[in-house]
């Protein structure tokens, strides 16, 4: 899949934002633990992968990033 560095950066920011907001809402008592856990289980892997792809993607056009084995 070809991707741009800026696209991966936006996906990272969105995923990190979801993780932070879900955690804050849980600690404030506004959402229950199962909902917070569900949001983190979905958003955290997306955040980590998009961060790696953002680091490895080129700046010019689409690129196929290589994370390593």
C-alpha atoms as a PDB file:
ATOM      1  CA  UNK A   1       0.000   0.000   0.000  1.00  0.00           C
ATOM      2  CA  UNK A   2       1.456   3.354  -0.986  1.00  0.00           C
ATOM      3  CA  UNK A   3       1.108   6.162   1.494  1.00  0.00           C
ATOM      4  CA  UNK A   4       2.280   9.691   2.103  1.00  0.00           C
ATOM      5  CA  UNK A   5       4.103  10.864   5.204  1.00  0.00           C
ATOM      6  CA  UNK A   6       1.518  13.555   5.906  1.00  0.00           C
ATOM      7  CA  UNK A   7      -1.354  11.068   5.688  1.00  0.00           C
ATOM      8  CA  UNK A   8       0.319   8.748   8.181  1.00  0.00           C
ATOM      9  CA  UNK A   9       1.019  11.698  10.488  1.00  0.00           C
ATOM     10  CA  UNK A  10      -2.672  12.624  10.499  1.00  0.00           C
ATOM     11  CA  UNK A  11      -3.702   9.027  11.221  1.00  0.00           C
ATOM     12  CA  UNK A  12      -1.170   8.945  14.076  1.00  0.00           C
ATOM     13  CA  UNK A  13      -2.528  12.178  15.545  1.00  0.00           C
ATOM     14  CA  UNK A  14      -6.115  10.940  15.324  1.00  0.00           C
ATOM     15  CA  UNK A  15      -5.282   7.616  16.973  1.00  0.00           C
ATOM     16  CA  UNK A  16      -3.232   9.258  19.717  1.00  0.00           C
ATOM     17  CA  UNK A  17      -6.034  11.740  20.312  1.00  0.00           C
ATOM     18  CA  UNK A  18      -8.577   8.945  20.690  1.00  0.00           C
ATOM     19  CA  UNK A  19      -6.297   7.160  23.178  1.00  0.00           C
ATOM     20  CA  UNK A  20      -5.747  10.291  25.257  1.00  0.00           C
ATOM     21  CA  UNK A  21      -9.387  11.380  25.217  1.00  0.00           C
ATOM     22  CA  UNK A  22     -10.636   7.900  26.157  1.00  0.00           C
ATOM     23  CA  UNK A  23      -8.161   7.701  29.029  1.00  0.00           C
ATOM     24  CA  UNK A  24      -9.047  11.163  30.346  1.00  0.00           C
ATOM     25  CA  UNK A  25     -12.782  10.470  30.127  1.00  0.00           C
ATOM     26  CA  UNK A  26     -12.318   7.214  32.029  1.00  0.00           C
ATOM     27  CA  UNK A  27     -10.253   8.837  34.783  1.00  0.00           C
ATOM     28  CA  UNK A  28     -12.883  11.576  35.101  1.00  0.00           C
ATOM     29  CA  UNK A  29     -15.544   8.884  35.475  1.00  0.00           C
ATOM     30  CA  UNK A  30     -17.446   9.876  32.340  1.00  0.00           C
ATOM     31  CA  UNK A  31     -17.158   6.534  30.511  1.00  0.00           C
ATOM     32  CA  UNK A  32     -17.027   2.991  31.906  1.00  0.00           C
ATOM     33  CA  UNK A  33     -13.892   0.853  31.834  1.00  0.00           C
ATOM     34  CA  UNK A  34     -15.134  -1.563  29.106  1.00  0.00           C
ATOM     35  CA  UNK A  35     -15.762   1.325  26.711  1.00  0.00           C
ATOM     36  CA  UNK A  36     -12.361   2.854  27.445  1.00  0.00           C
ATOM     37  CA  UNK A  37     -10.690  -0.519  26.928  1.00  0.00           C
ATOM     38  CA  UNK A  38     -12.537  -1.071  23.645  1.00  0.00           C
ATOM     39  CA  UNK A  39     -11.434   2.328  22.341  1.00  0.00           C
ATOM     40  CA  UNK A  40      -7.824   1.704  23.375  1.00  0.00           C
ATOM     41  CA  UNK A  41      -7.764  -1.806  21.868  1.00  0.00           C
ATOM     42  CA  UNK A  42      -8.871  -0.374  18.529  1.00  0.00           C
ATOM     43  CA  UNK A  43      -6.936   2.914  18.510  1.00  0.00           C
ATOM     44  CA  UNK A  44      -3.579   1.955  20.051  1.00  0.00           C
ATOM     45  CA  UNK A  45      -2.387  -0.495  17.350  1.00  0.00           C
ATOM     46  CA  UNK A  46      -3.439   1.955  14.640  1.00  0.00           C
ATOM     47  CA  UNK A  47      -1.479   4.685  16.423  1.00  0.00           C
ATOM     48  CA  UNK A  48       1.688   2.620  16.754  1.00  0.00           C
ATOM     49  CA  UNK A  49       1.634   1.338  13.171  1.00  0.00           C
ATOM     50  CA  UNK A  50       0.937   4.764  11.716  1.00  0.00           C
ATOM     51  CA  UNK A  51       3.802   6.208  13.770  1.00  0.00           C
ATOM     52  CA  UNK A  52       6.204   3.605  12.345  1.00  0.00           C
ATOM     53  CA  UNK A  53       4.895   4.195   8.828  1.00  0.00           C
ATOM     54  CA  UNK A  54       5.231   7.953   9.278  1.00  0.00           C
ATOM     55  CA  UNK A  55       8.866   7.567  10.339  1.00  0.00           C
ATOM     56  CA  UNK A  56       9.684   5.314   7.401  1.00  0.00           C
ATOM     57  CA  UNK A  57       7.636   6.936   4.639  1.00  0.00           C
ATOM     58  CA  UNK A  58       9.326   9.251   2.190  1.00  0.00           C
ATOM     59  CA  UNK A  59       8.362  12.879   1.817  1.00  0.00           C
ATOM     60  CA  UNK A  60       7.982  12.885  -1.964  1.00  0.00           C
ATOM     61  CA  UNK A  61       4.799  11.244  -3.164  1.00  0.00           C
ATOM     62  CA  UNK A  62       3.601   7.811  -2.179  1.00  0.00           C
ATOM     63  CA  UNK A  63       6.017   5.314  -0.713  1.00  0.00           C
ATOM     64  CA  UNK A  64       6.049   1.751   0.554  1.00  0.00           C
ATOM     65  CA  UNK A  65       7.592   2.031   4.018  1.00  0.00           C
ATOM     66  CA  UNK A  66       9.826  -0.694   5.422  1.00  0.00           C
ATOM     67  CA  UNK A  67       9.564  -1.276   9.163  1.00  0.00           C
ATOM     68  CA  UNK A  68      11.878  -4.291   9.373  1.00  0.00           C
ATOM     69  CA  UNK A  69      11.567  -7.881  10.411  1.00  0.00           C
END
